[in-house]
């Protein structure tokens, strides 16, 4: 089931090189900052529901983070086609500005709708750029080692998911949530700058010089390919399941009577597990097949949820073990999916294909 498009000849793809490796380094840094919020979203969920919005039901608060996750994936439908034509530079600056703005404004939030706009909409849109553009750029420079390169860059997000909760959890009680969020925003800004400077595209020469309006528009007809349609539906269910532990592990721990300090650390354990989980399966996937690796890591996710989390019943050791194991197993969901999609399309349309898949997935 492995068909390589003609365009991906080794001549058109440098397989790394100095520029390619700098793109990976820039992506690693940008993703560490840009996906730090996404990977520590459970902390914000737990903090807001026990502080500013403690009078509002969990179901309503869930909408803030539901909209956030939805927009992270959904905005790609427009980012992808623009990326394929214009390249990453402008998109990176735009996404970075939105994200930093969200962190600054977060400190001023007190009402429900404030959080909905700042975290849900601004944060979601900003994260969307950083989630899509660096990964799509890496796809331009690597084919044979795309799994390893993409996995390494996305592992940066796991480090962000370790740093951000620790910063927030240590600073919020001392200097207040508002200033703690601004400190996190500053760290994000510093990490995003190398991404804005280093991430670039490697375009094969285009036939037409002036892109038509149609080229900028999303294209759902690519889902007519049965293999791509099946892959999309598979990813839809993967992401639907993946976000539940990520989002609620801290709240679950607090509800189970685990101390708040340790509950927030569960998100750190999950991200610590996901660091090797994003990188190692990428290396393995380049050898035994991308889809095969994705299937096996998802079986491990199932075992972790059914075998460790369900029987854990609030037991601290079991919840910690689950966080690390699930983190490791689910890490590849983020890092291998773009690589799997990349096998099904020509490299110059990678942005469009990858984002169309994720637009459908956003509803999950």
Protein backbone atom coordinates (compact mmCIF):
# COMPACT_ATOMS: atom_id res chain seq x y z
CA UNK A 1 0.00 0.00 0.00
CA UNK A 2 3.03 2.21 -0.47
CA UNK A 3 2.99 4.44 -3.52
CA UNK A 4 5.54 7.21 -3.90
CA UNK A 5 4.43 10.17 -6.03
CA UNK A 6 6.63 10.96 -9.01
CA UNK A 7 7.49 14.45 -7.81
CA UNK A 8 9.32 13.07 -4.77
CA UNK A 9 12.44 12.20 -6.69
CA UNK A 10 15.59 12.40 -4.57
CA UNK A 11 16.73 15.26 -6.81
CA UNK A 12 13.88 17.54 -5.69
CA UNK A 13 14.32 16.67 -2.02
CA UNK A 14 17.62 17.47 -0.28
CA UNK A 15 17.00 14.89 2.51
CA UNK A 16 18.17 17.35 5.12
CA UNK A 17 21.32 19.28 4.36
CA UNK A 18 22.17 22.43 6.29
CA UNK A 19 18.93 24.22 5.38
CA UNK A 20 16.81 21.16 6.14
CA UNK A 21 18.48 20.63 9.50
CA UNK A 22 18.05 24.32 10.37
CA UNK A 23 14.35 23.97 9.50
CA UNK A 24 14.14 21.06 11.96
CA UNK A 25 15.94 23.11 14.62
CA UNK A 26 13.67 26.12 14.04
CA UNK A 27 10.60 23.87 14.07
CA UNK A 28 11.74 22.20 17.30
CA UNK A 29 12.07 25.59 19.00
CA UNK A 30 8.79 27.00 17.61
CA UNK A 31 6.85 23.85 18.48
CA UNK A 32 8.30 23.83 22.00
CA UNK A 33 6.82 27.29 22.48
CA UNK A 34 3.77 27.00 20.24
CA UNK A 35 2.51 23.62 21.38
CA UNK A 36 3.49 24.17 25.00
CA UNK A 37 0.00 25.59 25.62
CA UNK A 38 -1.65 22.69 23.79
CA UNK A 39 0.29 20.09 25.76
CA UNK A 40 -0.28 21.74 29.13
CA UNK A 41 -3.92 22.61 28.46
CA UNK A 42 -4.95 20.22 31.23
CA UNK A 43 -3.28 22.52 33.76
CA UNK A 44 -5.26 25.55 32.56
CA UNK A 45 -8.42 23.46 32.59
CA UNK A 46 -7.80 22.39 36.19
CA UNK A 47 -6.68 25.88 37.34
CA UNK A 48 -9.55 27.84 35.78
CA UNK A 49 -12.21 25.39 36.98
CA UNK A 50 -10.92 25.64 40.57
CA UNK A 51 -10.17 29.41 40.55
CA UNK A 52 -11.67 32.03 38.21
CA UNK A 53 -14.57 29.92 36.95
CA UNK A 54 -15.16 27.70 39.98
CA UNK A 55 -18.86 28.73 39.93
CA UNK A 56 -19.37 27.43 36.37
CA UNK A 57 -20.10 23.79 35.48
CA UNK A 58 -17.32 21.55 34.11
CA UNK A 59 -19.40 21.00 30.98
CA UNK A 60 -19.44 24.72 30.18
CA UNK A 61 -15.74 25.12 30.93
CA UNK A 62 -15.12 22.15 28.63
CA UNK A 63 -16.39 24.24 25.71
CA UNK A 64 -13.45 26.67 26.10
CA UNK A 65 -10.95 23.86 25.56
CA UNK A 66 -13.15 22.05 23.05
CA UNK A 67 -13.19 25.17 20.86
CA UNK A 68 -9.43 25.56 21.40
CA UNK A 69 -8.69 22.02 20.19
CA UNK A 70 -11.19 22.33 17.35
CA UNK A 71 -9.59 25.52 16.01
CA UNK A 72 -6.04 24.14 16.32
CA UNK A 73 -6.99 21.57 13.68
CA UNK A 74 -9.78 23.35 11.80
CA UNK A 75 -7.89 26.56 10.87
CA UNK A 76 -5.53 24.43 8.84
CA UNK A 77 -8.03 24.26 5.99
CA UNK A 78 -6.98 27.78 5.01
CA UNK A 79 -3.40 27.70 6.30
CA UNK A 80 -2.50 24.68 4.13
CA UNK A 81 -3.29 26.13 0.70
CA UNK A 82 -1.69 29.48 1.61
CA UNK A 83 1.42 27.63 2.79
CA UNK A 84 1.65 25.68 -0.46
CA UNK A 85 1.66 28.93 -2.46
CA UNK A 86 3.29 31.55 -0.24
CA UNK A 87 5.54 29.48 2.02
CA UNK A 88 5.85 29.62 5.80
CA UNK A 89 7.34 33.03 6.68
CA UNK A 90 4.22 35.19 6.97
CA UNK A 91 2.18 32.37 8.53
CA UNK A 92 4.80 31.84 11.26
CA UNK A 93 4.82 35.53 12.24
CA UNK A 94 1.04 35.68 12.25
CA UNK A 95 0.65 32.58 14.42
CA UNK A 96 3.36 33.72 16.83
CA UNK A 97 1.73 37.14 17.27
CA UNK A 98 -1.67 35.57 18.02
CA UNK A 99 -0.20 33.17 20.57
CA UNK A 100 1.80 35.76 22.47
CA UNK A 101 -1.24 38.07 22.47
CA UNK A 102 -3.34 35.25 23.97
CA UNK A 103 -0.86 34.81 26.87
CA UNK A 104 -0.77 38.54 27.59
CA UNK A 105 -4.57 38.84 27.53
CA UNK A 106 -5.08 35.71 29.62
CA UNK A 107 -4.03 37.64 32.70
CA UNK A 108 -6.93 40.06 32.23
CA UNK A 109 -9.58 37.31 31.91
CA UNK A 110 -12.15 36.99 34.66
CA UNK A 111 -15.46 36.17 32.93
CA UNK A 112 -16.39 32.99 31.09
CA UNK A 113 -16.56 34.69 27.69
CA UNK A 114 -13.12 36.26 28.21
CA UNK A 115 -11.56 32.81 28.48
CA UNK A 116 -13.63 31.55 25.56
CA UNK A 117 -12.25 34.28 23.28
CA UNK A 118 -8.67 34.39 24.58
CA UNK A 119 -7.87 30.71 25.13
CA UNK A 120 -10.50 29.16 22.87
CA UNK A 121 -10.36 31.40 19.83
CA UNK A 122 -7.08 33.40 19.93
CA UNK A 123 -5.07 30.58 21.48
CA UNK A 124 -6.58 27.97 19.18
CA UNK A 125 -5.93 29.98 16.03
CA UNK A 126 -2.39 30.89 17.07
CA UNK A 127 -1.51 27.30 17.93
CA UNK A 128 -2.93 26.16 14.60
CA UNK A 129 -0.25 28.03 12.64
CA UNK A 130 2.57 26.64 14.76
CA UNK A 131 1.09 23.14 14.68
CA UNK A 132 0.90 23.05 10.88
CA UNK A 133 3.53 25.26 9.26
CA UNK A 134 6.78 23.83 10.73
CA UNK A 135 5.64 20.23 10.14
CA UNK A 136 4.64 20.96 6.54
CA UNK A 137 8.00 22.70 5.99
CA UNK A 138 9.93 19.66 7.23
CA UNK A 139 8.01 17.58 4.68
CA UNK A 140 9.68 19.63 1.94
CA UNK A 141 13.19 18.68 3.04
CA UNK A 142 12.87 15.02 4.03
CA UNK A 143 11.32 11.95 2.44
CA UNK A 144 13.26 8.88 3.57
CA UNK A 145 13.90 10.26 7.05
CA UNK A 146 10.68 12.28 7.29
CA UNK A 147 9.39 10.22 10.24
CA UNK A 148 12.50 10.80 12.32
CA UNK A 149 12.75 14.51 11.40
CA UNK A 150 9.08 15.25 12.07
CA UNK A 151 9.17 13.25 15.30
CA UNK A 152 12.22 15.12 16.56
CA UNK A 153 10.66 18.53 15.84
CA UNK A 154 7.36 17.59 17.47
CA UNK A 155 9.19 16.24 20.51
CA UNK A 156 9.86 19.93 21.23
CA UNK A 157 6.18 20.25 22.09
CA UNK A 158 6.62 17.61 24.78
CA UNK A 159 9.42 19.63 26.38
CA UNK A 160 7.14 22.67 26.28
CA UNK A 161 4.51 20.51 27.94
CA UNK A 162 6.99 19.75 30.73
CA UNK A 163 8.28 23.33 31.18
CA UNK A 164 4.99 25.25 31.00
CA UNK A 165 3.11 23.38 33.74
CA UNK A 166 6.12 23.63 36.07
CA UNK A 167 6.42 27.38 35.46
CA UNK A 168 2.70 27.96 35.90
CA UNK A 169 2.37 25.72 38.92
CA UNK A 170 5.35 27.30 40.72
CA UNK A 171 4.70 30.94 39.79
CA UNK A 172 0.90 31.23 39.88
CA UNK A 173 0.63 30.89 43.70
CA UNK A 174 3.50 33.41 44.17
CA UNK A 175 2.96 36.14 41.59
CA UNK A 176 -0.63 35.34 40.56
CA UNK A 177 -2.08 33.60 37.53
CA UNK A 178 -1.94 36.76 35.37
CA UNK A 179 1.80 37.31 35.74
CA UNK A 180 2.55 33.60 35.55
CA UNK A 181 0.74 33.53 32.19
CA UNK A 182 2.77 36.51 30.98
CA UNK A 183 6.01 34.78 31.98
CA UNK A 184 4.89 31.75 29.99
CA UNK A 185 4.05 34.13 27.12
CA UNK A 186 7.57 35.58 27.25
CA UNK A 187 9.11 32.10 27.17
CA UNK A 188 6.84 31.30 24.21
CA UNK A 189 7.94 34.45 22.39
CA UNK A 190 11.65 33.64 22.88
CA UNK A 191 11.11 30.10 21.59
CA UNK A 192 9.01 31.20 18.59
CA UNK A 193 11.59 33.67 17.23
CA UNK A 194 14.08 31.01 15.95
CA UNK A 195 11.12 29.29 14.30
CA UNK A 196 10.09 32.47 12.51
CA UNK A 197 13.66 33.00 11.31
CA UNK A 198 14.65 29.43 10.35
CA UNK A 199 11.51 27.72 9.04
CA UNK A 200 11.35 27.91 5.26
CA UNK A 201 9.98 25.90 2.33
CA UNK A 202 11.71 24.04 -0.48
CA UNK A 203 9.45 24.45 -3.49
CA UNK A 204 9.73 22.49 -6.68
CA UNK A 205 9.44 24.98 -9.59
CA UNK A 206 5.75 25.74 -10.21
CA UNK A 207 4.31 25.65 -13.72
CA UNK A 208 2.08 28.71 -13.36
CA UNK A 209 3.61 31.87 -11.94
CA UNK A 210 0.40 33.64 -10.88
CA UNK A 211 -1.66 31.47 -8.50
CA UNK A 212 -5.41 31.62 -9.11
CA UNK A 213 -7.90 32.32 -6.32
CA UNK A 214 -8.93 28.66 -6.50
CA UNK A 215 -5.44 27.61 -5.42
CA UNK A 216 -5.91 29.47 -2.12
CA UNK A 217 -9.22 27.76 -1.41
CA UNK A 218 -9.59 24.50 0.53
CA UNK A 219 -10.07 21.39 -1.60
CA UNK A 220 -12.16 18.57 -0.16
CA UNK A 221 -12.16 16.56 -3.42
CA UNK A 222 -8.83 15.01 -2.40
CA UNK A 223 -10.85 12.88 0.04
CA UNK A 224 -12.20 10.94 -2.96
CA UNK A 225 -9.04 8.83 -2.71
CA UNK A 226 -10.29 5.85 -0.63
CA UNK A 227 -6.92 5.36 1.10
CA UNK A 228 -6.81 9.01 2.17
CA UNK A 229 -10.47 8.92 3.26
CA UNK A 230 -9.84 5.83 5.42
CA UNK A 231 -6.71 7.38 6.90
CA UNK A 232 -8.69 10.54 7.74
CA UNK A 233 -11.44 8.61 9.49
CA UNK A 234 -8.84 6.66 11.45
CA UNK A 235 -7.12 9.84 12.60
CA UNK A 236 -10.52 11.34 13.48
CA UNK A 237 -11.07 8.61 16.08
CA UNK A 238 -7.46 8.65 17.29
CA UNK A 239 -7.57 12.37 18.11
CA UNK A 240 -11.03 12.09 19.64
CA UNK A 241 -9.64 9.61 22.15
CA UNK A 242 -6.20 11.21 22.57
CA UNK A 243 -7.42 14.54 23.94
CA UNK A 244 -9.49 13.08 26.75
CA UNK A 245 -6.57 11.99 28.98
CA UNK A 246 -4.47 15.02 27.97
CA UNK A 247 -7.25 17.40 28.93
CA UNK A 248 -8.59 15.74 32.05
CA UNK A 249 -5.72 13.89 33.72
CA UNK A 250 -5.11 16.82 36.12
CA UNK A 251 -8.81 17.31 36.92
CA UNK A 252 -9.28 13.54 37.32
CA UNK A 253 -6.38 13.41 39.77
CA UNK A 254 -7.76 16.31 41.83
CA UNK A 255 -11.21 14.67 41.84
CA UNK A 256 -9.63 11.40 42.99
CA UNK A 257 -8.17 13.14 46.05
CA UNK A 258 -4.57 13.44 44.80
CA UNK A 259 -2.96 16.72 45.96
CA UNK A 260 -3.25 19.62 43.47
CA UNK A 261 0.55 19.89 43.21
CA UNK A 262 0.90 16.24 42.20
CA UNK A 263 -2.21 16.43 40.00
CA UNK A 264 -0.65 19.21 37.91
CA UNK A 265 2.50 17.11 37.65
CA UNK A 266 0.52 14.34 35.89
CA UNK A 267 0.52 16.56 32.80
CA UNK A 268 4.30 16.82 33.15
CA UNK A 269 4.64 13.02 33.42
CA UNK A 270 2.44 12.59 30.35
CA UNK A 271 4.59 14.97 28.33
CA UNK A 272 7.82 13.47 29.64
CA UNK A 273 6.61 10.10 28.34
CA UNK A 274 5.57 11.62 25.06
CA UNK A 275 9.06 13.05 24.34
CA UNK A 276 10.58 9.68 23.38
CA UNK A 277 7.12 8.63 22.15
CA UNK A 278 7.21 11.24 19.40
CA UNK A 279 10.77 10.71 18.36
CA UNK A 280 11.52 6.96 18.59
CA UNK A 281 8.45 5.70 16.67
CA UNK A 282 9.41 8.16 13.90
CA UNK A 283 12.80 6.46 13.55
CA UNK A 284 11.19 2.99 13.69
CA UNK A 285 8.51 4.05 11.18
CA UNK A 286 11.11 4.98 8.56
CA UNK A 287 12.18 1.32 8.63
CA UNK A 288 9.07 -0.83 9.23
CA UNK A 289 6.45 1.46 7.68
CA UNK A 290 4.64 4.54 8.99
CA UNK A 291 1.16 3.02 9.13
CA UNK A 292 2.38 -0.18 10.84
CA UNK A 293 4.06 1.85 13.57
CA UNK A 294 0.98 4.03 14.11
CA UNK A 295 -1.23 0.96 14.51
CA UNK A 296 1.09 -0.62 17.08
CA UNK A 297 1.40 2.55 19.21
CA UNK A 298 -2.38 2.92 19.26
CA UNK A 299 -2.75 -0.64 20.50
CA UNK A 300 -0.42 0.39 23.35
CA UNK A 301 -2.69 3.41 24.03
CA UNK A 302 -5.66 1.05 24.32
CA UNK A 303 -3.79 -1.20 26.74
CA UNK A 304 -2.81 1.84 28.83
CA UNK A 305 -6.39 3.16 29.10
CA UNK A 306 -8.12 -0.18 29.65
CA UNK A 307 -5.38 -1.91 31.62
CA UNK A 308 -3.98 0.90 33.80
CA UNK A 309 -6.30 3.93 33.93
CA UNK A 310 -9.67 2.18 34.22
CA UNK A 311 -8.63 -0.09 37.14
CA UNK A 312 -6.47 2.67 38.74
CA UNK A 313 -9.37 4.05 40.80
CA UNK A 314 -7.40 7.14 41.83
CA UNK A 315 -4.32 5.19 42.97
CA UNK A 316 -1.41 7.65 42.71
CA UNK A 317 1.22 5.18 41.46
CA UNK A 318 -1.15 3.75 38.86
CA UNK A 319 -2.10 7.21 37.58
CA UNK A 320 1.58 8.20 37.27
CA UNK A 321 2.38 4.97 35.40
CA UNK A 322 -0.61 5.55 33.13
CA UNK A 323 0.49 9.15 32.41
CA UNK A 324 3.96 8.06 31.33
CA UNK A 325 2.84 5.01 29.32
CA UNK A 326 -0.03 6.83 27.62
CA UNK A 327 2.26 9.80 26.95
CA UNK A 328 4.76 7.52 25.22
CA UNK A 329 2.14 5.59 23.25
CA UNK A 330 0.12 8.64 22.17
CA UNK A 331 3.16 10.74 21.22
CA UNK A 332 3.28 9.13 17.80
CA UNK A 333 -0.34 10.14 17.08
CA UNK A 334 0.82 13.69 16.61
CA UNK A 335 4.19 12.99 14.96
CA UNK A 336 3.35 10.09 12.62
CA UNK A 337 0.00 11.21 11.20
CA UNK A 338 1.50 13.96 9.00
CA UNK A 339 4.12 11.49 7.81
CA UNK A 340 1.44 8.92 6.91
CA UNK A 341 -0.50 11.58 5.01
CA UNK A 342 2.72 12.61 3.27
CA UNK A 343 2.99 9.12 1.76
CA UNK A 344 -0.30 9.67 -0.03
CA UNK A 345 0.42 12.96 -1.79
CA UNK A 346 3.02 14.84 -3.86
CA UNK A 347 5.36 17.00 -1.82
CA UNK A 348 4.26 20.37 -3.25
CA UNK A 349 0.68 19.69 -2.10
CA UNK A 350 1.71 18.39 1.32
CA UNK A 351 0.34 21.40 3.21
CA UNK A 352 -3.05 21.14 1.54
CA UNK A 353 -3.45 17.39 2.07
CA UNK A 354 -2.23 17.40 5.66
CA UNK A 355 -4.48 20.30 6.66
CA UNK A 356 -7.56 18.95 4.86
CA UNK A 357 -7.22 15.72 6.83
CA UNK A 358 -6.94 17.68 10.07
CA UNK A 359 -9.92 19.89 9.23
CA UNK A 360 -12.12 16.78 9.20
CA UNK A 361 -10.36 15.53 12.34
CA UNK A 362 -11.09 18.81 14.17
CA UNK A 363 -14.69 17.72 14.67
CA UNK A 364 -13.42 14.77 16.67
